[in-house]
PDB file of N, CA and C in Angstrom:
ATOM      1  N   UNK A   1      40.548 -24.496   4.686  1.00  0.00           N
ATOM      2  CA  UNK A   1      40.188 -25.829   4.328  1.00  0.00           C
ATOM      3  C   UNK A   1      38.762 -25.760   3.729  1.00  0.00           C
ATOM      4  N   UNK A   2      38.669 -26.410   2.691  1.00  0.00           N
ATOM      5  CA  UNK A   2      37.336 -26.440   1.973  1.00  0.00           C
ATOM      6  C   UNK A   2      36.429 -27.372   2.548  1.00  0.00           C
ATOM      7  N   UNK A   3      35.100 -27.058   2.711  1.00  0.00           N
ATOM      8  CA  UNK A   3      34.118 -27.981   2.941  1.00  0.00           C
ATOM      9  C   UNK A   3      33.844 -28.967   1.985  1.00  0.00           C
ATOM     10  N   UNK A   4      33.492 -30.290   2.509  1.00  0.00           N
ATOM     11  CA  UNK A   4      33.058 -31.426   1.322  1.00  0.00           C
ATOM     12  C   UNK A   4      32.097 -30.874   0.432  1.00  0.00           C
ATOM     13  N   UNK A   5      31.124 -30.229   1.063  1.00  0.00           N
ATOM     14  CA  UNK A   5      30.008 -29.751   0.117  1.00  0.00           C
ATOM     15  C   UNK A   5      30.401 -28.662  -0.815  1.00  0.00           C
ATOM     16  N   UNK A   6      31.528 -27.936  -0.568  1.00  0.00           N
ATOM     17  CA  UNK A   6      32.105 -26.952  -1.688  1.00  0.00           C
ATOM     18  C   UNK A   6      32.810 -27.832  -2.794  1.00  0.00           C
ATOM     19  N   UNK A   7      33.233 -29.040  -2.536  1.00  0.00           N
ATOM     20  CA  UNK A   7      34.097 -29.814  -3.427  1.00  0.00           C
ATOM     21  C   UNK A   7      33.046 -30.658  -4.392  1.00  0.00           C
ATOM     22  N   UNK A   8      32.159 -31.308  -3.650  1.00  0.00           N
ATOM     23  CA  UNK A   8      31.152 -32.046  -4.401  1.00  0.00           C
ATOM     24  C   UNK A   8      29.809 -31.360  -4.584  1.00  0.00           C
ATOM     25  N   UNK A   9      29.619 -30.985  -5.878  1.00  0.00           N
ATOM     26  CA  UNK A   9      28.431 -30.050  -6.116  1.00  0.00           C
ATOM     27  C   UNK A   9      27.195 -31.007  -6.109  1.00  0.00           C
ATOM     28  N   UNK A  10      27.334 -32.288  -6.515  1.00  0.00           N
ATOM     29  CA  UNK A  10      26.053 -33.073  -6.687  1.00  0.00           C
ATOM     30  C   UNK A  10      26.413 -34.254  -7.625  1.00  0.00           C
ATOM     31  N   UNK A  11      25.487 -35.265  -7.477  1.00  0.00           N
ATOM     32  CA  UNK A  11      25.591 -36.363  -8.484  1.00  0.00           C
ATOM     33  C   UNK A  11      24.885 -36.032  -9.864  1.00  0.00           C
ATOM     34  N   UNK A  12      25.452 -36.729 -10.898  1.00  0.00           N
ATOM     35  CA  UNK A  12      24.958 -36.482 -12.297  1.00  0.00           C
ATOM     36  C   UNK A  12      24.188 -37.721 -12.586  1.00  0.00           C
ATOM     37  N   UNK A  13      22.790 -37.599 -12.551  1.00  0.00           N
ATOM     38  CA  UNK A  13      21.988 -38.773 -12.752  1.00  0.00           C
ATOM     39  C   UNK A  13      21.589 -38.764 -14.299  1.00  0.00           C
ATOM     40  N   UNK A  14      22.238 -39.528 -15.024  1.00  0.00           N
ATOM     41  CA  UNK A  14      21.925 -39.619 -16.513  1.00  0.00           C
ATOM     42  C   UNK A  14      21.721 -41.182 -16.799  1.00  0.00           C
ATOM     43  N   UNK A  15      21.242 -41.300 -18.057  1.00  0.00           N
ATOM     44  CA  UNK A  15      21.203 -42.696 -18.436  1.00  0.00           C
ATOM     45  C   UNK A  15      22.523 -43.364 -18.627  1.00  0.00           C
ATOM     46  N   UNK A  16      23.453 -42.801 -18.981  1.00  0.00           N
ATOM     47  CA  UNK A  16      24.720 -43.310 -19.153  1.00  0.00           C
ATOM     48  C   UNK A  16      25.359 -43.792 -17.866  1.00  0.00           C
ATOM     49  N   UNK A  17      25.255 -42.644 -16.815  1.00  0.00           N
ATOM     50  CA  UNK A  17      25.568 -42.837 -15.557  1.00  0.00           C
ATOM     51  C   UNK A  17      24.928 -43.992 -14.767  1.00  0.00           C
ATOM     52  N   UNK A  18      23.776 -44.283 -15.067  1.00  0.00           N
ATOM     53  CA  UNK A  18      23.015 -45.355 -14.354  1.00  0.00           C
ATOM     54  C   UNK A  18      23.470 -46.751 -15.048  1.00  0.00           C
ATOM     55  N   UNK A  19      23.910 -46.803 -16.296  1.00  0.00           N
ATOM     56  CA  UNK A  19      24.514 -47.830 -16.931  1.00  0.00           C
ATOM     57  C   UNK A  19      25.740 -48.137 -16.297  1.00  0.00           C
ATOM     58  N   UNK A  20      26.645 -47.243 -16.002  1.00  0.00           N
ATOM     59  CA  UNK A  20      28.060 -47.338 -15.437  1.00  0.00           C
ATOM     60  C   UNK A  20      27.846 -47.825 -14.020  1.00  0.00           C
ATOM     61  N   UNK A  21      26.945 -47.305 -13.220  1.00  0.00           N
ATOM     62  CA  UNK A  21      26.601 -47.500 -11.789  1.00  0.00           C
ATOM     63  C   UNK A  21      26.326 -48.993 -11.844  1.00  0.00           C
ATOM     64  N   UNK A  22      25.365 -49.559 -12.641  1.00  0.00           N
ATOM     65  CA  UNK A  22      25.006 -50.947 -12.445  1.00  0.00           C
ATOM     66  C   UNK A  22      26.115 -51.938 -13.058  1.00  0.00           C
ATOM     67  N   UNK A  23      26.834 -51.608 -13.955  1.00  0.00           N
ATOM     68  CA  UNK A  23      27.801 -52.570 -14.508  1.00  0.00           C
ATOM     69  C   UNK A  23      29.141 -52.584 -13.829  1.00  0.00           C
ATOM     70  N   UNK A  24      29.651 -51.417 -13.413  1.00  0.00           N
ATOM     71  CA  UNK A  24      31.109 -51.129 -12.855  1.00  0.00           C
ATOM     72  C   UNK A  24      31.032 -50.687 -11.434  1.00  0.00           C
ATOM     73  N   UNK A  25      29.935 -50.319 -10.752  1.00  0.00           N
ATOM     74  CA  UNK A  25      29.867 -49.722  -9.466  1.00  0.00           C
ATOM     75  C   UNK A  25      30.492 -48.380  -9.265  1.00  0.00           C
ATOM     76  N   UNK A  26      30.201 -47.563 -10.298  1.00  0.00           N
ATOM     77  CA  UNK A  26      30.824 -46.227 -10.389  1.00  0.00           C
ATOM     78  C   UNK A  26      29.727 -45.213 -10.281  1.00  0.00           C
ATOM     79  N   UNK A  27      30.079 -44.006  -9.822  1.00  0.00           N
ATOM     80  CA  UNK A  27      28.993 -42.941  -9.581  1.00  0.00           C
ATOM     81  C   UNK A  27      29.680 -41.759 -10.235  1.00  0.00           C
ATOM     82  N   UNK A  28      28.920 -40.786 -10.838  1.00  0.00           N
ATOM     83  CA  UNK A  28      29.458 -39.683 -11.508  1.00  0.00           C
ATOM     84  C   UNK A  28      28.979 -38.498 -10.658  1.00  0.00           C
ATOM     85  N   UNK A  29      29.870 -37.510 -10.374  1.00  0.00           N
ATOM     86  CA  UNK A  29      29.588 -36.359  -9.548  1.00  0.00           C
ATOM     87  C   UNK A  29      30.157 -35.218 -10.347  1.00  0.00           C
ATOM     88  N   UNK A  30      29.300 -33.987 -10.229  1.00  0.00           N
ATOM     89  CA  UNK A  30      29.927 -32.713 -10.703  1.00  0.00           C
ATOM     90  C   UNK A  30      30.664 -32.194  -9.493  1.00  0.00           C
ATOM     91  N   UNK A  31      31.887 -31.697  -9.706  1.00  0.00           N
ATOM     92  CA  UNK A  31      32.739 -31.330  -8.502  1.00  0.00           C
ATOM     93  C   UNK A  31      33.371 -29.804  -8.935  1.00  0.00           C
ATOM     94  N   UNK A  32      33.897 -29.276  -7.854  1.00  0.00           N
ATOM     95  CA  UNK A  32      34.629 -28.014  -8.048  1.00  0.00           C
ATOM     96  C   UNK A  32      35.704 -28.057  -9.031  1.00  0.00           C
ATOM     97  N   UNK A  33      35.874 -26.970  -9.796  1.00  0.00           N
ATOM     98  CA  UNK A  33      37.082 -27.011 -10.848  1.00  0.00           C
ATOM     99  C   UNK A  33      38.380 -27.097 -10.261  1.00  0.00           C
ATOM    100  N   UNK A  34      38.594 -26.718  -9.065  1.00  0.00           N
ATOM    101  CA  UNK A  34      39.941 -26.607  -8.441  1.00  0.00           C
ATOM    102  C   UNK A  34      40.141 -27.710  -7.469  1.00  0.00           C
ATOM    103  N   UNK A  35      39.403 -28.700  -7.399  1.00  0.00           N
ATOM    104  CA  UNK A  35      39.471 -29.798  -6.534  1.00  0.00           C
ATOM    105  C   UNK A  35      40.360 -30.946  -7.231  1.00  0.00           C
ATOM    106  N   UNK A  36      41.018 -31.653  -6.316  1.00  0.00           N
ATOM    107  CA  UNK A  36      41.979 -32.703  -6.977  1.00  0.00           C
ATOM    108  C   UNK A  36      41.316 -33.824  -6.540  1.00  0.00           C
ATOM    109  N   UNK A  37      41.913 -35.116  -7.145  1.00  0.00           N
ATOM    110  CA  UNK A  37      41.482 -36.380  -6.644  1.00  0.00           C
ATOM    111  C   UNK A  37      41.313 -36.740  -5.318  1.00  0.00           C
ATOM    112  N   UNK A  38      42.522 -36.426  -4.462  1.00  0.00           N
ATOM    113  CA  UNK A  38      42.591 -36.765  -3.142  1.00  0.00           C
ATOM    114  C   UNK A  38      41.354 -36.067  -2.289  1.00  0.00           C
ATOM    115  N   UNK A  39      41.138 -34.732  -2.664  1.00  0.00           N
ATOM    116  CA  UNK A  39      40.067 -33.859  -1.986  1.00  0.00           C
ATOM    117  C   UNK A  39      38.746 -34.518  -2.314  1.00  0.00           C
ATOM    118  N   UNK A  40      38.452 -34.858  -3.723  1.00  0.00           N
ATOM    119  CA  UNK A  40      37.351 -35.436  -4.089  1.00  0.00           C
ATOM    120  C   UNK A  40      37.027 -36.830  -3.334  1.00  0.00           C
ATOM    121  N   UNK A  41      37.835 -37.632  -3.173  1.00  0.00           N
ATOM    122  CA  UNK A  41      37.726 -39.019  -2.516  1.00  0.00           C
ATOM    123  C   UNK A  41      37.319 -38.676  -1.057  1.00  0.00           C
ATOM    124  N   UNK A  42      38.214 -37.914  -0.388  1.00  0.00           N
ATOM    125  CA  UNK A  42      37.714 -37.566   1.043  1.00  0.00           C
ATOM    126  C   UNK A  42      36.388 -36.879   1.265  1.00  0.00           C
ATOM    127  N   UNK A  43      35.926 -36.058   0.318  1.00  0.00           N
ATOM    128  CA  UNK A  43      34.618 -35.339   0.399  1.00  0.00           C
ATOM    129  C   UNK A  43      33.433 -36.451   0.069  1.00  0.00           C
ATOM    130  N   UNK A  44      33.669 -37.347  -0.885  1.00  0.00           N
ATOM    131  CA  UNK A  44      32.733 -38.244  -1.132  1.00  0.00           C
ATOM    132  C   UNK A  44      32.515 -39.432   0.090  1.00  0.00           C
ATOM    133  N   UNK A  45      33.583 -39.667   0.584  1.00  0.00           N
ATOM    134  CA  UNK A  45      33.657 -40.646   1.930  1.00  0.00           C
ATOM    135  C   UNK A  45      33.008 -39.993   3.016  1.00  0.00           C
ATOM    136  N   UNK A  46      33.200 -38.581   3.162  1.00  0.00           N
ATOM    137  CA  UNK A  46      32.653 -37.935   4.370  1.00  0.00           C
ATOM    138  C   UNK A  46      31.120 -37.728   4.214  1.00  0.00           C
ATOM    139  N   UNK A  47      30.752 -37.343   2.949  1.00  0.00           N
ATOM    140  CA  UNK A  47      29.440 -36.967   2.864  1.00  0.00           C
ATOM    141  C   UNK A  47      28.530 -38.077   2.688  1.00  0.00           C
ATOM    142  N   UNK A  48      28.796 -39.141   1.957  1.00  0.00           N
ATOM    143  CA  UNK A  48      27.924 -40.382   1.811  1.00  0.00           C
ATOM    144  C   UNK A  48      28.238 -41.419   2.627  1.00  0.00           C
ATOM    145  N   UNK A  49      29.322 -41.395   3.453  1.00  0.00           N
ATOM    146  CA  UNK A  49      29.750 -42.499   4.381  1.00  0.00           C
ATOM    147  C   UNK A  49      29.943 -43.853   3.616  1.00  0.00           C
ATOM    148  N   UNK A  50      30.699 -43.906   2.603  1.00  0.00           N
ATOM    149  CA  UNK A  50      31.059 -45.042   1.894  1.00  0.00           C
ATOM    150  C   UNK A  50      32.601 -45.099   1.561  1.00  0.00           C
ATOM    151  N   UNK A  51      33.003 -46.153   1.124  1.00  0.00           N
ATOM    152  CA  UNK A  51      34.590 -46.294   0.819  1.00  0.00           C
ATOM    153  C   UNK A  51      34.704 -46.124  -0.725  1.00  0.00           C
ATOM    154  N   UNK A  52      35.752 -45.327  -1.083  1.00  0.00           N
ATOM    155  CA  UNK A  52      36.029 -45.107  -2.484  1.00  0.00           C
ATOM    156  C   UNK A  52      37.303 -45.729  -2.842  1.00  0.00           C
ATOM    157  N   UNK A  53      37.298 -46.444  -3.921  1.00  0.00           N
ATOM    158  CA  UNK A  53      38.474 -47.290  -4.514  1.00  0.00           C
ATOM    159  C   UNK A  53      39.391 -46.462  -5.310  1.00  0.00           C
ATOM    160  N   UNK A  54      38.653 -45.565  -6.336  1.00  0.00           N
ATOM    161  CA  UNK A  54      39.457 -44.864  -7.214  1.00  0.00           C
ATOM    162  C   UNK A  54      38.746 -43.607  -7.748  1.00  0.00           C
ATOM    163  N   UNK A  55      39.304 -42.579  -8.070  1.00  0.00           N
ATOM    164  CA  UNK A  55      38.516 -41.409  -8.681  1.00  0.00           C
ATOM    165  C   UNK A  55      39.319 -41.043  -9.949  1.00  0.00           C
ATOM    166  N   UNK A  56      38.518 -40.712 -10.999  1.00  0.00           N
ATOM    167  CA  UNK A  56      38.958 -40.240 -12.341  1.00  0.00           C
ATOM    168  C   UNK A  56      38.126 -38.936 -12.472  1.00  0.00           C
ATOM    169  N   UNK A  57      39.061 -37.936 -13.159  1.00  0.00           N
ATOM    170  CA  UNK A  57      38.399 -36.617 -13.311  1.00  0.00           C
ATOM    171  C   UNK A  57      38.465 -36.270 -14.726  1.00  0.00           C
ATOM    172  N   UNK A  58      37.512 -35.454 -15.187  1.00  0.00           N
ATOM    173  CA  UNK A  58      37.419 -34.963 -16.455  1.00  0.00           C
ATOM    174  C   UNK A  58      37.160 -33.427 -16.503  1.00  0.00           C
ATOM    175  N   UNK A  59      37.973 -32.761 -17.137  1.00  0.00           N
ATOM    176  CA  UNK A  59      37.521 -31.315 -17.314  1.00  0.00           C
ATOM    177  C   UNK A  59      36.739 -31.049 -18.627  1.00  0.00           C
ATOM    178  N   UNK A  60      35.431 -30.580 -18.560  1.00  0.00           N
ATOM    179  CA  UNK A  60      34.533 -30.387 -19.650  1.00  0.00           C
ATOM    180  C   UNK A  60      34.678 -28.878 -19.966  1.00  0.00           C
ATOM    181  N   UNK A  61      34.858 -28.688 -21.276  1.00  0.00           N
ATOM    182  CA  UNK A  61      34.806 -27.188 -21.773  1.00  0.00           C
ATOM    183  C   UNK A  61      33.222 -26.864 -21.988  1.00  0.00           C
ATOM    184  N   UNK A  62      32.918 -25.578 -21.714  1.00  0.00           N
ATOM    185  CA  UNK A  62      31.608 -25.089 -21.893  1.00  0.00           C
ATOM    186  C   UNK A  62      31.262 -25.009 -23.422  1.00  0.00           C
ATOM    187  N   UNK A  63      30.109 -25.251 -23.662  1.00  0.00           N
ATOM    188  CA  UNK A  63      29.625 -25.191 -25.177  1.00  0.00           C
ATOM    189  C   UNK A  63      29.508 -23.803 -25.588  1.00  0.00           C
ATOM    190  N   UNK A  64      29.826 -23.433 -26.732  1.00  0.00           N
ATOM    191  CA  UNK A  64      29.439 -22.078 -27.351  1.00  0.00           C
ATOM    192  C   UNK A  64      28.113 -21.993 -27.765  1.00  0.00           C
ATOM    193  N   UNK A  65      27.394 -20.941 -27.363  1.00  0.00           N
ATOM    194  CA  UNK A  65      25.961 -20.759 -27.780  1.00  0.00           C
ATOM    195  C   UNK A  65      25.716 -19.412 -28.389  1.00  0.00           C
ATOM    196  N   UNK A  66      24.830 -19.392 -29.252  1.00  0.00           N
ATOM    197  CA  UNK A  66      24.580 -18.182 -29.935  1.00  0.00           C
ATOM    198  C   UNK A  66      23.064 -17.539 -29.640  1.00  0.00           C
ATOM    199  N   UNK A  67      23.155 -16.315 -29.244  1.00  0.00           N
ATOM    200  CA  UNK A  67      21.798 -15.744 -28.916  1.00  0.00           C
ATOM    201  C   UNK A  67      21.585 -14.432 -29.855  1.00  0.00           C
ATOM    202  N   UNK A  68      21.115 -14.824 -31.034  1.00  0.00           N
ATOM    203  CA  UNK A  68      20.818 -13.740 -32.031  1.00  0.00           C
ATOM    204  C   UNK A  68      22.316 -13.482 -32.786  1.00  0.00           C
ATOM    205  N   UNK A  69      22.715 -12.290 -32.645  1.00  0.00           N
ATOM    206  CA  UNK A  69      24.151 -12.024 -33.158  1.00  0.00           C
ATOM    207  C   UNK A  69      25.115 -12.035 -32.109  1.00  0.00           C
ATOM    208  N   UNK A  70      24.628 -12.243 -30.790  1.00  0.00           N
ATOM    209  CA  UNK A  70      25.709 -12.279 -29.728  1.00  0.00           C
ATOM    210  C   UNK A  70      26.148 -13.774 -29.657  1.00  0.00           C
ATOM    211  N   UNK A  71      27.413 -13.904 -29.488  1.00  0.00           N
ATOM    212  CA  UNK A  71      28.043 -15.264 -29.324  1.00  0.00           C
ATOM    213  C   UNK A  71      28.492 -15.337 -27.861  1.00  0.00           C
ATOM    214  N   UNK A  72      28.100 -16.435 -27.027  1.00  0.00           N
ATOM    215  CA  UNK A  72      28.310 -16.660 -25.854  1.00  0.00           C
ATOM    216  C   UNK A  72      28.807 -18.071 -25.522  1.00  0.00           C
ATOM    217  N   UNK A  73      29.293 -18.229 -24.255  1.00  0.00           N
ATOM    218  CA  UNK A  73      29.802 -19.595 -23.828  1.00  0.00           C
ATOM    219  C   UNK A  73      29.219 -20.005 -22.547  1.00  0.00           C
ATOM    220  N   UNK A  74      28.983 -21.214 -22.447  1.00  0.00           N
ATOM    221  CA  UNK A  74      28.615 -21.714 -21.071  1.00  0.00           C
ATOM    222  C   UNK A  74      29.736 -21.869 -20.285  1.00  0.00           C
ATOM    223  N   UNK A  75      29.748 -22.151 -19.015  1.00  0.00           N
ATOM    224  CA  UNK A  75      31.009 -22.082 -18.179  1.00  0.00           C
ATOM    225  C   UNK A  75      31.632 -23.666 -18.124  1.00  0.00           C
ATOM    226  N   UNK A  76      32.849 -23.497 -18.152  1.00  0.00           N
ATOM    227  CA  UNK A  76      33.540 -24.853 -18.018  1.00  0.00           C
ATOM    228  C   UNK A  76      33.346 -25.412 -16.675  1.00  0.00           C
ATOM    229  N   UNK A  77      33.329 -26.911 -16.628  1.00  0.00           N
ATOM    230  CA  UNK A  77      33.052 -27.569 -15.400  1.00  0.00           C
ATOM    231  C   UNK A  77      33.885 -28.861 -15.341  1.00  0.00           C
ATOM    232  N   UNK A  78      33.843 -29.444 -14.250  1.00  0.00           N
ATOM    233  CA  UNK A  78      34.627 -30.750 -13.952  1.00  0.00           C
ATOM    234  C   UNK A  78      33.614 -31.778 -13.498  1.00  0.00           C
ATOM    235  N   UNK A  79      33.905 -33.082 -13.910  1.00  0.00           N
ATOM    236  CA  UNK A  79      33.253 -34.224 -13.386  1.00  0.00           C
ATOM    237  C   UNK A  79      34.147 -35.140 -12.905  1.00  0.00           C
ATOM    238  N   UNK A  80      33.643 -35.979 -11.819  1.00  0.00           N
ATOM    239  CA  UNK A  80      34.522 -37.029 -11.237  1.00  0.00           C
ATOM    240  C   UNK A  80      33.733 -38.272 -11.377  1.00  0.00           C
ATOM    241  N   UNK A  81      34.438 -39.425 -11.968  1.00  0.00           N
ATOM    242  CA  UNK A  81      33.901 -40.669 -11.809  1.00  0.00           C
ATOM    243  C   UNK A  81      34.588 -41.433 -10.706  1.00  0.00           C
ATOM    244  N   UNK A  82      33.629 -41.686  -9.650  1.00  0.00           N
ATOM    245  CA  UNK A  82      34.138 -42.350  -8.537  1.00  0.00           C
ATOM    246  C   UNK A  82      33.705 -43.845  -8.428  1.00  0.00           C
ATOM    247  N   UNK A  83      34.888 -44.686  -8.424  1.00  0.00           N
ATOM    248  CA  UNK A  83      34.700 -46.247  -8.292  1.00  0.00           C
ATOM    249  C   UNK A  83      34.609 -46.457  -6.790  1.00  0.00           C
ATOM    250  N   UNK A  84      33.539 -47.219  -6.407  1.00  0.00           N
ATOM    251  CA  UNK A  84      33.171 -47.598  -5.063  1.00  0.00           C
ATOM    252  C   UNK A  84      33.664 -48.918  -4.738  1.00  0.00           C
ATOM    253  N   UNK A  85      34.211 -49.129  -3.556  1.00  0.00           N
ATOM    254  CA  UNK A  85      34.720 -50.487  -3.305  1.00  0.00           C
ATOM    255  C   UNK A  85      33.584 -51.607  -3.295  1.00  0.00           C
ATOM    256  N   UNK A  86      33.916 -52.818  -3.521  1.00  0.00           N
ATOM    257  CA  UNK A  86      32.897 -53.949  -3.800  1.00  0.00           C
ATOM    258  C   UNK A  86      32.108 -53.969  -2.517  1.00  0.00           C
ATOM    259  N   UNK A  87      30.756 -54.129  -2.778  1.00  0.00           N
ATOM    260  CA  UNK A  87      29.864 -54.197  -1.636  1.00  0.00           C
ATOM    261  C   UNK A  87      29.232 -52.823  -1.177  1.00  0.00           C
ATOM    262  N   UNK A  88      29.874 -51.695  -1.695  1.00  0.00           N
ATOM    263  CA  UNK A  88      29.427 -50.352  -1.443  1.00  0.00           C
ATOM    264  C   UNK A  88      28.292 -49.847  -2.382  1.00  0.00           C
ATOM    265  N   UNK A  89      27.325 -49.101  -1.880  1.00  0.00           N
ATOM    266  CA  UNK A  89      26.280 -48.383  -2.712  1.00  0.00           C
ATOM    267  C   UNK A  89      25.732 -47.244  -2.150  1.00  0.00           C
ATOM    268  N   UNK A  90      25.273 -46.392  -2.984  1.00  0.00           N
ATOM    269  CA  UNK A  90      24.650 -45.193  -2.526  1.00  0.00           C
ATOM    270  C   UNK A  90      23.153 -45.409  -2.293  1.00  0.00           C
ATOM    271  N   UNK A  91      22.594 -45.134  -1.270  1.00  0.00           N
ATOM    272  CA  UNK A  91      21.173 -45.471  -1.034  1.00  0.00           C
ATOM    273  C   UNK A  91      20.249 -44.554  -1.841  1.00  0.00           C
ATOM    274  N   UNK A  92      20.649 -43.341  -2.040  1.00  0.00           N
ATOM    275  CA  UNK A  92      19.750 -42.349  -2.704  1.00  0.00           C
ATOM    276  C   UNK A  92      19.624 -42.592  -4.159  1.00  0.00           C
ATOM    277  N   UNK A  93      20.556 -43.277  -4.595  1.00  0.00           N
ATOM    278  CA  UNK A  93      20.398 -43.646  -6.118  1.00  0.00           C
ATOM    279  C   UNK A  93      19.674 -45.065  -6.205  1.00  0.00           C
ATOM    280  N   UNK A  94      19.572 -45.756  -5.382  1.00  0.00           N
ATOM    281  CA  UNK A  94      18.951 -47.233  -5.405  1.00  0.00           C
ATOM    282  C   UNK A  94      17.383 -46.958  -5.174  1.00  0.00           C
ATOM    283  N   UNK A  95      16.975 -45.889  -4.676  1.00  0.00           N
ATOM    284  CA  UNK A  95      15.466 -45.717  -4.377  1.00  0.00           C
ATOM    285  C   UNK A  95      14.621 -45.544  -5.623  1.00  0.00           C
ATOM    286  N   UNK A  96      15.261 -45.045  -6.705  1.00  0.00           N
ATOM    287  CA  UNK A  96      14.562 -44.724  -7.951  1.00  0.00           C
ATOM    288  C   UNK A  96      13.771 -45.932  -8.626  1.00  0.00           C
TER     289      UNK A  96
END
């Protein structure tokens, strides 16, 4: 069984994410690529002690980058948009 901290790698604090948080009560997290929606929901509820209404996931492909003549690629990653139940909020995001 995976630890919740292995599933949720951390919040993504961006300008777009803060607008979504204020308007729709949603928070964006960077998550493990092999985690499913049910595991993500359970991990977020356990770590942050909040109730989750819905989880949407997005698989992001890594960008191709060039270093001189060498062509490389950044790793693929996954993000989850977590909708919180009405009245719920994350304290560490509110302190900013």
